[in-house]
Amino acid sequence: MSGASFELLAIEPLRLLGAKILGRKRRMSPYVWRNPSGDCSMLFRLVDGQVAATGSLWLARGNGCTFTLDPKPVLTPGPEDFDIGGCEDPTVVHVDEGCLVYYTGLDRDGVTQLLWAEGPDMRSLQKRGVAHASTASERNTKEATIERFGDGWLLLFEYGHAGRSRIGRGEANGPAGPWKETSDPLGRRDGCWDNWHLSTGPILIDEPGGPIMFYNGADADAVWQIGWAKLDETLARVISRCRSPLVEAPRCPDQSGRKMAFAASIVANEDQFWLYFTHDDRSLRRAIIRRSAS
């Protein structure tokens, strides 16, 4: 295991306060970060079953477990064709000029691509279009994980190929790309819980011994669970990897949700970490984890 291991201490539901419309919506993809003031902000996806689009992106602020929602979303579908079908899967990058948001957009035909927006703050975002396009062989680019590296930038992203989700990697001089693709950093494992689908997740970039990505994996039945993998410093190669999932999929006995635990972000909190994820494809959770000596 090369000295890396993590243990799960608890799982807590996130509490959202504010808009009355929350009662009609599914909540997904919680991207959480800590503010200079010490509290936390969250950008996440809300899906309204009464609206044809697959979601809008909303901002909330709170103590890391309870959040108060803004009165209106920060990114909504359209009028551009590239996200007229929905806005999903936000990732936030803070830069000197303000902030960047990478997100998944669905066009009129249901094709997804990795898009981006930027602004001086989260409430003043302007859409900039496609950040990394889908191709004939690499379809449905989405789920960005972005890190600075030296004078450049590294991108990990999910894409679809031959009926499976995979993790791709790209390099660029700037956060807007264009991204030069390289070999996939992480592959599926036969006979394991992550034997069919893989998707990106949040990274602890400064971990001793190498960065740790809390990635998402699934079997052929799309039962998604969360594991971890230690990567080299360029996020190009796996050094070690968990044998069993760190956060298992929910059972969903009432059939109203999906067997899915899907990591979106992580926040350090003293000697622990708060790992935020989508639970059952409809609600938000926080897993409290810590490093383990085992």
C-alpha atoms as a PDB file:
ATOM      1  CA  MET A   1       0.000   0.000   0.000  1.00  0.00           C
ATOM      2  CA  SER A   2       3.120   2.248  -0.018  1.00  0.00           C
ATOM      3  CA  GLY A   3       2.228   3.734   3.384  1.00  0.00           C
ATOM      4  CA  ALA A   4      -1.145   5.207   2.331  1.00  0.00           C
ATOM      5  CA  SER A   5      -4.455   4.191   3.817  1.00  0.00           C
ATOM      6  CA  PHE A   6      -7.645   5.870   4.986  1.00  0.00           C
ATOM      7  CA  GLU A   7     -10.475   4.903   7.280  1.00  0.00           C
ATOM      8  CA  LEU A   8     -14.089   5.984   7.338  1.00  0.00           C
ATOM      9  CA  LEU A   9     -15.260   7.457  10.647  1.00  0.00           C
ATOM     10  CA  ALA A  10     -18.802   8.627   9.892  1.00  0.00           C
ATOM     11  CA  ILE A  11     -21.252   9.643   7.175  1.00  0.00           C
ATOM     12  CA  GLU A  12     -23.532  12.636   7.687  1.00  0.00           C
ATOM     13  CA  PRO A  13     -26.329  14.108   5.544  1.00  0.00           C
ATOM     14  CA  LEU A  14     -25.932  17.725   4.464  1.00  0.00           C
ATOM     15  CA  ARG A  15     -28.667  20.108   5.587  1.00  0.00           C
ATOM     16  CA  LEU A  16     -29.808  22.843   3.190  1.00  0.00           C
ATOM     17  CA  LEU A  17     -31.692  25.936   4.318  1.00  0.00           C
ATOM     18  CA  GLY A  18     -33.306  28.640   2.230  1.00  0.00           C
ATOM     19  CA  ALA A  19     -35.363  28.286  -0.921  1.00  0.00           C
ATOM     20  CA  LYS A  20     -38.696  26.463  -0.641  1.00  0.00           C
ATOM     21  CA  ILE A  21     -38.109  24.872  -4.064  1.00  0.00           C
ATOM     22  CA  LEU A  22     -35.625  22.471  -2.488  1.00  0.00           C
ATOM     23  CA  GLY A  23     -38.458  20.147  -1.548  1.00  0.00           C
ATOM     24  CA  ARG A  24     -39.066  19.304  -5.196  1.00  0.00           C
ATOM     25  CA  LYS A  25     -35.471  18.755  -6.264  1.00  0.00           C
ATOM     26  CA  ARG A  26     -32.724  16.167  -6.302  1.00  0.00           C
ATOM     27  CA  ARG A  27     -29.364  17.398  -5.015  1.00  0.00           C
ATOM     28  CA  MET A  28     -26.104  16.197  -6.535  1.00  0.00           C
ATOM     29  CA  SER A  29     -22.378  16.911  -7.088  1.00  0.00           C
ATOM     30  CA  PRO A  30     -21.442  18.921  -3.961  1.00  0.00           C
ATOM     31  CA  TYR A  31     -18.240  20.878  -4.651  1.00  0.00           C
ATOM     32  CA  VAL A  32     -17.215  22.361  -1.267  1.00  0.00           C
ATOM     33  CA  TRP A  33     -14.277  24.622  -0.370  1.00  0.00           C
ATOM     34  CA  ARG A  34     -13.172  26.544   2.703  1.00  0.00           C
ATOM     35  CA  ASN A  35     -13.315  30.336   2.630  1.00  0.00           C
ATOM     36  CA  PRO A  36     -10.632  32.643   4.110  1.00  0.00           C
ATOM     37  CA  SER A  37     -13.154  33.475   6.866  1.00  0.00           C
ATOM     38  CA  GLY A  38     -13.130  29.808   7.961  1.00  0.00           C
ATOM     39  CA  ASP A  39     -16.631  28.805   6.867  1.00  0.00           C
ATOM     40  CA  CYS A  40     -17.393  26.806   3.704  1.00  0.00           C
ATOM     41  CA  SER A  41     -19.041  27.432   0.355  1.00  0.00           C
ATOM     42  CA  MET A  42     -20.668  24.806  -1.835  1.00  0.00           C
ATOM     43  CA  LEU A  43     -21.555  24.784  -5.527  1.00  0.00           C
ATOM     44  CA  PHE A  44     -23.872  21.917  -6.394  1.00  0.00           C
ATOM     45  CA  ARG A  45     -26.476  20.686  -8.862  1.00  0.00           C
ATOM     46  CA  LEU A  46     -30.217  20.815  -8.338  1.00  0.00           C
ATOM     47  CA  VAL A  47     -32.520  18.758 -10.549  1.00  0.00           C
ATOM     48  CA  ASP A  48     -36.189  19.703 -10.759  1.00  0.00           C
ATOM     49  CA  GLY A  49     -38.394  16.818 -11.882  1.00  0.00           C
ATOM     50  CA  GLN A  50     -40.877  19.290 -13.341  1.00  0.00           C
ATOM     51  CA  VAL A  51     -38.293  20.810 -15.722  1.00  0.00           C
ATOM     52  CA  ALA A  52     -36.906  19.085 -18.829  1.00  0.00           C
ATOM     53  CA  ALA A  53     -33.280  20.188 -18.201  1.00  0.00           C
ATOM     54  CA  THR A  54     -31.045  17.952 -16.087  1.00  0.00           C
ATOM     55  CA  GLY A  55     -30.120  20.640 -13.609  1.00  0.00           C
ATOM     56  CA  SER A  56     -28.807  24.085 -12.642  1.00  0.00           C
ATOM     57  CA  LEU A  57     -25.849  25.035 -10.429  1.00  0.00           C
ATOM     58  CA  TRP A  58     -26.547  26.709  -7.084  1.00  0.00           C
ATOM     59  CA  LEU A  59     -24.324  28.337  -4.462  1.00  0.00           C
ATOM     60  CA  ALA A  60     -24.647  27.864  -0.697  1.00  0.00           C
ATOM     61  CA  ARG A  61     -22.601  28.815   2.366  1.00  0.00           C
ATOM     62  CA  GLY A  62     -22.335  27.301   5.835  1.00  0.00           C
ATOM     63  CA  ASN A  63     -20.312  25.425   8.433  1.00  0.00           C
ATOM     64  CA  GLY A  64     -19.491  22.376   6.304  1.00  0.00           C
ATOM     65  CA  CYS A  65     -22.599  20.387   7.223  1.00  0.00           C
ATOM     66  CA  THR A  66     -25.452  22.935   7.245  1.00  0.00           C
ATOM     67  CA  PHE A  67     -25.636  25.365   4.310  1.00  0.00           C
ATOM     68  CA  THR A  68     -27.889  28.301   3.427  1.00  0.00           C
ATOM     69  CA  LEU A  69     -28.824  28.483  -0.240  1.00  0.00           C
ATOM     70  CA  ASP A  70     -28.598  31.583  -2.446  1.00  0.00           C
ATOM     71  CA  PRO A  71     -32.000  32.797  -3.696  1.00  0.00           C
ATOM     72  CA  LYS A  72     -31.173  32.022  -7.345  1.00  0.00           C
ATOM     73  CA  PRO A  73     -28.770  29.742  -9.278  1.00  0.00           C
ATOM     74  CA  VAL A  74     -25.393  30.931 -10.557  1.00  0.00           C
ATOM     75  CA  LEU A  75     -25.503  28.881 -13.790  1.00  0.00           C
ATOM     76  CA  THR A  76     -28.630  27.770 -15.644  1.00  0.00           C
ATOM     77  CA  PRO A  77     -29.173  25.885 -18.927  1.00  0.00           C
ATOM     78  CA  GLY A  78     -29.016  27.841 -22.200  1.00  0.00           C
ATOM     79  CA  PRO A  79     -29.652  29.923 -24.114  1.00  0.00           C
ATOM     80  CA  GLU A  80     -26.517  28.547 -25.779  1.00  0.00           C
ATOM     81  CA  ASP A  81     -26.896  25.150 -27.396  1.00  0.00           C
ATOM     82  CA  PHE A  82     -23.891  23.626 -25.611  1.00  0.00           C
ATOM     83  CA  ASP A  83     -25.717  23.468 -22.251  1.00  0.00           C
ATOM     84  CA  ILE A  84     -29.375  23.920 -23.191  1.00  0.00           C
ATOM     85  CA  GLY A  85     -30.100  20.437 -21.807  1.00  0.00           C
ATOM     86  CA  GLY A  86     -28.583  21.008 -18.364  1.00  0.00           C
ATOM     87  CA  CYS A  87     -25.636  22.098 -16.202  1.00  0.00           C
ATOM     88  CA  GLU A  88     -23.973  19.430 -14.051  1.00  0.00           C
ATOM     89  CA  ASP A  89     -20.850  18.352 -12.113  1.00  0.00           C
ATOM     90  CA  PRO A  90     -19.211  21.648 -11.027  1.00  0.00           C
ATOM     91  CA  THR A  91     -15.517  22.017 -10.172  1.00  0.00           C
ATOM     92  CA  VAL A  92     -14.230  25.343  -8.819  1.00  0.00           C
ATOM     93  CA  VAL A  93     -10.710  26.725  -9.358  1.00  0.00           C
ATOM     94  CA  HIS A  94      -9.677  29.921  -7.581  1.00  0.00           C
ATOM     95  CA  VAL A  95      -7.273  32.183  -9.484  1.00  0.00           C
ATOM     96  CA  ASP A  96      -5.854  35.652  -8.871  1.00  0.00           C
ATOM     97  CA  GLU A  97      -8.505  37.252 -11.085  1.00  0.00           C
ATOM     98  CA  GLY A  98     -11.433  35.499  -9.382  1.00  0.00           C
ATOM     99  CA  CYS A  99     -12.719  31.990 -10.049  1.00  0.00           C
ATOM    100  CA  LEU A 100     -13.220  29.433 -12.795  1.00  0.00           C
ATOM    101  CA  VAL A 101     -16.007  26.856 -12.847  1.00  0.00           C
ATOM    102  CA  TYR A 102     -15.731  23.724 -14.972  1.00  0.00           C
ATOM    103  CA  TYR A 103     -19.013  21.925 -15.494  1.00  0.00           C
ATOM    104  CA  THR A 104     -20.759  19.378 -17.689  1.00  0.00           C
ATOM    105  CA  GLY A 105     -23.167  20.723 -20.275  1.00  0.00           C
ATOM    106  CA  LEU A 106     -25.773  18.783 -22.256  1.00  0.00           C
ATOM    107  CA  ASP A 107     -26.663  19.974 -25.751  1.00  0.00           C
ATOM    108  CA  ARG A 108     -29.995  19.520 -27.546  1.00  0.00           C
ATOM    109  CA  ASP A 109     -29.077  15.977 -28.567  1.00  0.00           C
ATOM    110  CA  GLY A 110     -28.061  14.919 -25.049  1.00  0.00           C
ATOM    111  CA  VAL A 111     -24.320  14.926 -25.834  1.00  0.00           C
ATOM    112  CA  THR A 112     -22.222  16.057 -22.871  1.00  0.00           C
ATOM    113  CA  GLN A 113     -19.035  18.070 -22.995  1.00  0.00           C
ATOM    114  CA  LEU A 114     -16.761  19.687 -20.441  1.00  0.00           C
ATOM    115  CA  LEU A 115     -17.558  23.413 -20.341  1.00  0.00           C
ATOM    116  CA  TRP A 116     -16.245  26.344 -18.317  1.00  0.00           C
ATOM    117  CA  ALA A 117     -17.235  29.742 -16.968  1.00  0.00           C
ATOM    118  CA  GLU A 118     -15.276  32.478 -15.213  1.00  0.00           C
ATOM    119  CA  GLY A 119     -15.871  35.620 -13.197  1.00  0.00           C
ATOM    120  CA  PRO A 120     -14.551  37.900 -10.461  1.00  0.00           C
ATOM    121  CA  ASP A 121     -16.717  35.971  -7.978  1.00  0.00           C
ATOM    122  CA  MET A 122     -19.155  33.050  -7.913  1.00  0.00           C
ATOM    123  CA  ARG A 123     -22.192  35.280  -8.419  1.00  0.00           C
ATOM    124  CA  SER A 124     -20.788  36.987 -11.542  1.00  0.00           C
ATOM    125  CA  LEU A 125     -19.938  34.047 -13.805  1.00  0.00           C
ATOM    126  CA  GLN A 126     -19.817  34.306 -17.579  1.00  0.00           C
ATOM    127  CA  LYS A 127     -20.004  31.183 -19.743  1.00  0.00           C
ATOM    128  CA  ARG A 128     -16.941  30.644 -21.973  1.00  0.00           C
ATOM    129  CA  GLY A 129     -18.028  27.556 -23.888  1.00  0.00           C
ATOM    130  CA  VAL A 130     -16.257  24.227 -24.370  1.00  0.00           C
ATOM    131  CA  ALA A 131     -13.212  23.505 -22.210  1.00  0.00           C
ATOM    132  CA  HIS A 132     -12.589  19.989 -23.561  1.00  0.00           C
ATOM    133  CA  ALA A 133     -14.717  18.630 -26.372  1.00  0.00           C
ATOM    134  CA  SER A 134     -16.130  15.170 -26.927  1.00  0.00           C
ATOM    135  CA  THR A 135     -14.851  13.237 -29.945  1.00  0.00           C
ATOM    136  CA  ALA A 136     -15.995  10.182 -31.894  1.00  0.00           C
ATOM    137  CA  SER A 137     -13.839   7.905 -29.710  1.00  0.00           C
ATOM    138  CA  GLU A 138     -13.923   9.839 -26.423  1.00  0.00           C
ATOM    139  CA  ARG A 139     -17.548  10.722 -25.813  1.00  0.00           C
ATOM    140  CA  ASN A 140     -19.202  12.643 -23.007  1.00  0.00           C
ATOM    141  CA  THR A 141     -16.207  14.454 -21.504  1.00  0.00           C
ATOM    142  CA  LYS A 142     -17.091  15.624 -17.973  1.00  0.00           C
ATOM    143  CA  GLU A 143     -16.239  15.520 -14.229  1.00  0.00           C
ATOM    144  CA  ALA A 144     -13.151  17.769 -14.293  1.00  0.00           C
ATOM    145  CA  THR A 145     -10.364  17.601 -11.731  1.00  0.00           C
ATOM    146  CA  ILE A 146      -7.955  20.512 -12.323  1.00  0.00           C
ATOM    147  CA  GLU A 147      -4.545  21.107 -10.718  1.00  0.00           C
ATOM    148  CA  ARG A 148      -1.746  23.568 -11.352  1.00  0.00           C
ATOM    149  CA  PHE A 149       1.624  21.986 -12.098  1.00  0.00           C
ATOM    150  CA  GLY A 150       4.732  24.143 -12.486  1.00  0.00           C
ATOM    151  CA  ASP A 151       3.993  26.722 -15.174  1.00  0.00           C
ATOM    152  CA  GLY A 152       1.117  24.679 -16.581  1.00  0.00           C
ATOM    153  CA  TRP A 153      -2.092  22.889 -15.680  1.00  0.00           C
ATOM    154  CA  LEU A 154      -3.188  19.264 -15.434  1.00  0.00           C
ATOM    155  CA  LEU A 155      -6.703  18.012 -16.173  1.00  0.00           C
ATOM    156  CA  LEU A 156      -8.218  14.670 -15.232  1.00  0.00           C
ATOM    157  CA  PHE A 157     -11.663  14.005 -16.688  1.00  0.00           C
ATOM    158  CA  GLU A 158     -14.195  11.260 -17.295  1.00  0.00           C
ATOM    159  CA  TYR A 159     -14.995  10.141 -20.819  1.00  0.00           C
ATOM    160  CA  GLY A 160     -16.937   7.299 -22.403  1.00  0.00           C
ATOM    161  CA  HIS A 161     -15.407   4.681 -24.684  1.00  0.00           C
ATOM    162  CA  ALA A 162     -16.807   1.311 -25.798  1.00  0.00           C
ATOM    163  CA  GLY A 163     -19.652   1.423 -23.277  1.00  0.00           C
ATOM    164  CA  ARG A 164     -17.456   2.231 -20.286  1.00  0.00           C
ATOM    165  CA  SER A 165     -16.492   5.334 -18.376  1.00  0.00           C
ATOM    166  CA  ARG A 166     -12.750   5.980 -18.181  1.00  0.00           C
ATOM    167  CA  ILE A 167     -10.403   8.554 -16.672  1.00  0.00           C
ATOM    168  CA  GLY A 168      -8.446  10.678 -19.139  1.00  0.00           C
ATOM    169  CA  ARG A 169      -5.579  13.100 -18.577  1.00  0.00           C
ATOM    170  CA  GLY A 170      -4.580  16.309 -20.336  1.00  0.00           C
ATOM    171  CA  GLU A 171      -1.921  19.023 -20.094  1.00  0.00           C
ATOM    172  CA  ALA A 172      -2.191  22.712 -21.010  1.00  0.00           C
ATOM    173  CA  ASN A 173      -0.365  25.991 -20.599  1.00  0.00           C
ATOM    174  CA  GLY A 174      -3.455  27.659 -19.167  1.00  0.00           C
ATOM    175  CA  PRO A 175      -6.701  26.638 -17.458  1.00  0.00           C
ATOM    176  CA  ALA A 176      -8.758  27.212 -20.624  1.00  0.00           C
ATOM    177  CA  GLY A 177      -6.689  24.715 -22.647  1.00  0.00           C
ATOM    178  CA  PRO A 178      -6.359  23.483 -25.305  1.00  0.00           C
ATOM    179  CA  TRP A 179      -5.596  20.223 -23.529  1.00  0.00           C
ATOM    180  CA  LYS A 180      -3.026  17.808 -24.928  1.00  0.00           C
ATOM    181  CA  GLU A 181      -4.211  14.328 -23.999  1.00  0.00           C
ATOM    182  CA  THR A 182      -1.870  11.646 -22.656  1.00  0.00           C
ATOM    183  CA  SER A 183      -2.332   8.061 -21.496  1.00  0.00           C
ATOM    184  CA  ASP A 184      -5.040   7.269 -18.944  1.00  0.00           C
ATOM    185  CA  PRO A 185      -3.579   7.374 -15.416  1.00  0.00           C
ATOM    186  CA  LEU A 186      -5.906   4.762 -13.911  1.00  0.00           C
ATOM    187  CA  GLY A 187      -7.481   1.613 -15.342  1.00  0.00           C
ATOM    188  CA  ARG A 188     -10.236  -0.761 -14.314  1.00  0.00           C
ATOM    189  CA  ARG A 189      -9.450  -3.984 -12.416  1.00  0.00           C
ATOM    190  CA  ASP A 190     -10.960  -7.338 -13.350  1.00  0.00           C
ATOM    191  CA  GLY A 191     -12.663  -9.114 -10.465  1.00  0.00           C
ATOM    192  CA  CYS A 192     -12.860  -5.969  -8.310  1.00  0.00           C
ATOM    193  CA  TRP A 193     -15.561  -3.493  -7.335  1.00  0.00           C
ATOM    194  CA  ASP A 194     -14.200  -1.054  -9.965  1.00  0.00           C
ATOM    195  CA  ASN A 195     -14.076  -3.544 -12.853  1.00  0.00           C
ATOM    196  CA  TRP A 196     -16.177  -1.616 -15.393  1.00  0.00           C
ATOM    197  CA  HIS A 197     -16.540   2.158 -14.942  1.00  0.00           C
ATOM    198  CA  LEU A 198     -14.122   4.756 -13.589  1.00  0.00           C
ATOM    199  CA  SER A 199     -14.519   8.477 -12.955  1.00  0.00           C
ATOM    200  CA  THR A 200     -12.437  11.257 -11.467  1.00  0.00           C
ATOM    201  CA  GLY A 201     -12.727  12.604  -7.942  1.00  0.00           C
ATOM    202  CA  PRO A 202     -11.078  15.163  -5.648  1.00  0.00           C
ATOM    203  CA  ILE A 203      -7.313  15.122  -5.058  1.00  0.00           C
ATOM    204  CA  LEU A 204      -5.179  15.758  -1.972  1.00  0.00           C
ATOM    205  CA  ILE A 205      -2.305  17.188  -3.980  1.00  0.00           C
ATOM    206  CA  ASP A 206       0.231  17.679  -1.161  1.00  0.00           C
ATOM    207  CA  GLU A 207      -0.050  14.315   0.596  1.00  0.00           C
ATOM    208  CA  PRO A 208       3.235  12.787   1.851  1.00  0.00           C
ATOM    209  CA  GLY A 209       4.521  10.321  -0.723  1.00  0.00           C
ATOM    210  CA  GLY A 210       2.342  11.590  -3.550  1.00  0.00           C
ATOM    211  CA  PRO A 211      -1.106  12.955  -4.434  1.00  0.00           C
ATOM    212  CA  ILE A 212      -4.185  10.941  -3.453  1.00  0.00           C
ATOM    213  CA  MET A 213      -7.276  10.899  -5.670  1.00  0.00           C
ATOM    214  CA  PHE A 214     -10.600   9.769  -4.209  1.00  0.00           C
ATOM    215  CA  TYR A 215     -11.946   8.293  -7.417  1.00  0.00           C
ATOM    216  CA  ASN A 216     -15.275   6.735  -8.342  1.00  0.00           C
ATOM    217  CA  GLY A 217     -15.569   3.170  -9.634  1.00  0.00           C
ATOM    218  CA  ALA A 218     -18.411   0.867 -10.605  1.00  0.00           C
ATOM    219  CA  ASP A 219     -19.226  -2.597 -11.888  1.00  0.00           C
ATOM    220  CA  ALA A 220     -21.212  -3.430 -15.030  1.00  0.00           C
ATOM    221  CA  ASP A 221     -24.468  -2.755 -13.138  1.00  0.00           C
ATOM    222  CA  ALA A 222     -23.314   0.840 -12.474  1.00  0.00           C
ATOM    223  CA  VAL A 223     -23.113   0.393  -8.708  1.00  0.00           C
ATOM    224  CA  TRP A 224     -20.823   3.347  -7.969  1.00  0.00           C
ATOM    225  CA  GLN A 225     -18.520   3.401  -4.942  1.00  0.00           C
ATOM    226  CA  ILE A 226     -15.618   5.576  -3.775  1.00  0.00           C
ATOM    227  CA  GLY A 227     -12.007   4.457  -3.427  1.00  0.00           C
ATOM    228  CA  TRP A 228      -8.585   6.068  -3.309  1.00  0.00           C
ATOM    229  CA  ALA A 229      -5.450   5.850  -5.440  1.00  0.00           C
ATOM    230  CA  LYS A 230      -2.003   7.316  -4.872  1.00  0.00           C
ATOM    231  CA  LEU A 231      -0.591   8.900  -8.037  1.00  0.00           C
ATOM    232  CA  ASP A 232       2.815  10.213  -9.023  1.00  0.00           C
ATOM    233  CA  GLU A 233       3.414  13.962  -8.833  1.00  0.00           C
ATOM    234  CA  THR A 234       2.311  14.521 -12.445  1.00  0.00           C
ATOM    235  CA  LEU A 235      -0.969  12.573 -11.973  1.00  0.00           C
ATOM    236  CA  ALA A 236       0.131  10.264 -14.773  1.00  0.00           C
ATOM    237  CA  ARG A 237       0.686   6.911 -13.046  1.00  0.00           C
ATOM    238  CA  VAL A 238      -0.777   4.886 -10.167  1.00  0.00           C
ATOM    239  CA  ILE A 239       1.626   4.089  -7.324  1.00  0.00           C
ATOM    240  CA  SER A 240      -0.818   2.267  -5.035  1.00  0.00           C
ATOM    241  CA  ARG A 241      -4.548   1.753  -4.736  1.00  0.00           C
ATOM    242  CA  CYS A 242      -7.173   0.623  -2.239  1.00  0.00           C
ATOM    243  CA  ARG A 243      -8.421  -2.971  -2.416  1.00  0.00           C
ATOM    244  CA  SER A 244     -11.933  -2.258  -1.134  1.00  0.00           C
ATOM    245  CA  PRO A 245     -14.115   0.852  -1.486  1.00  0.00           C
ATOM    246  CA  LEU A 246     -13.711   3.505   1.186  1.00  0.00           C
ATOM    247  CA  VAL A 247     -17.359   4.599   0.875  1.00  0.00           C
ATOM    248  CA  GLU A 248     -19.748   1.873  -0.249  1.00  0.00           C
ATOM    249  CA  ALA A 249     -22.844   2.350  -2.366  1.00  0.00           C
ATOM    250  CA  PRO A 250     -26.164   2.741  -0.516  1.00  0.00           C
ATOM    251  CA  ARG A 251     -28.544  -0.198  -0.639  1.00  0.00           C
ATOM    252  CA  CYS A 252     -31.639   1.854  -1.684  1.00  0.00           C
ATOM    253  CA  PRO A 253     -34.147  -0.847  -0.628  1.00  0.00           C
ATOM    254  CA  ASP A 254     -37.162   1.284  -1.599  1.00  0.00           C
ATOM    255  CA  GLN A 255     -35.961   1.492  -5.229  1.00  0.00           C
ATOM    256  CA  SER A 256     -36.434   5.291  -5.248  1.00  0.00           C
ATOM    257  CA  GLY A 257     -32.712   5.938  -5.463  1.00  0.00           C
ATOM    258  CA  ARG A 258     -29.665   4.449  -7.150  1.00  0.00           C
ATOM    259  CA  LYS A 259     -26.905   2.364  -5.632  1.00  0.00           C
ATOM    260  CA  MET A 260     -24.439   5.209  -5.932  1.00  0.00           C
ATOM    261  CA  ALA A 261     -21.812   6.964  -3.822  1.00  0.00           C
ATOM    262  CA  PHE A 262     -19.956   9.442  -6.046  1.00  0.00           C
ATOM    263  CA  ALA A 263     -17.195  11.713  -4.683  1.00  0.00           C
ATOM    264  CA  ALA A 264     -17.157  15.397  -5.673  1.00  0.00           C
ATOM    265  CA  SER A 265     -14.828  17.330  -3.320  1.00  0.00           C
ATOM    266  CA  ILE A 266     -12.728  17.179  -0.165  1.00  0.00           C
ATOM    267  CA  VAL A 267     -11.898  19.670   2.607  1.00  0.00           C
ATOM    268  CA  ALA A 268      -9.134  19.272   5.193  1.00  0.00           C
ATOM    269  CA  ASN A 269     -10.223  19.728   8.814  1.00  0.00           C
ATOM    270  CA  GLU A 270      -7.338  19.414  11.313  1.00  0.00           C
ATOM    271  CA  ASP A 271      -6.361  15.705  11.367  1.00  0.00           C
ATOM    272  CA  GLN A 272      -9.460  14.628   9.440  1.00  0.00           C
ATOM    273  CA  PHE A 273     -10.933  15.183   5.988  1.00  0.00           C
ATOM    274  CA  TRP A 274     -14.489  15.901   4.901  1.00  0.00           C
ATOM    275  CA  LEU A 275     -15.223  14.001   1.685  1.00  0.00           C
ATOM    276  CA  TYR A 276     -18.377  15.287  -0.024  1.00  0.00           C
ATOM    277  CA  PHE A 277     -20.339  12.995  -2.293  1.00  0.00           C
ATOM    278  CA  THR A 278     -23.634  12.325  -4.035  1.00  0.00           C
ATOM    279  CA  HIS A 279     -25.619   9.661  -2.185  1.00  0.00           C
ATOM    280  CA  ASP A 280     -28.226   7.553  -4.046  1.00  0.00           C
ATOM    281  CA  ASP A 281     -28.191   9.963  -7.049  1.00  0.00           C
ATOM    282  CA  ARG A 282     -30.525  12.367  -5.220  1.00  0.00           C
ATOM    283  CA  SER A 283     -29.032  13.617  -1.915  1.00  0.00           C
ATOM    284  CA  LEU A 284     -25.805  15.019  -0.461  1.00  0.00           C
ATOM    285  CA  ARG A 285     -23.551  13.476   2.173  1.00  0.00           C
ATOM    286  CA  ARG A 286     -20.270  14.158   3.964  1.00  0.00           C
ATOM    287  CA  ALA A 287     -17.927  11.289   4.824  1.00  0.00           C
ATOM    288  CA  ILE A 288     -15.513  12.024   7.681  1.00  0.00           C
ATOM    289  CA  ILE A 289     -12.260  10.158   7.050  1.00  0.00           C
ATOM    290  CA  ARG A 290      -8.704  10.144   8.369  1.00  0.00           C
ATOM    291  CA  ARG A 291      -5.349   8.655   7.530  1.00  0.00           C
ATOM    292  CA  SER A 292      -4.839   5.176   8.909  1.00  0.00           C
ATOM    293  CA  ALA A 293      -1.616   3.481   9.925  1.00  0.00           C
ATOM    294  CA  SER A 294      -2.799   0.118   8.582  1.00  0.00           C
END
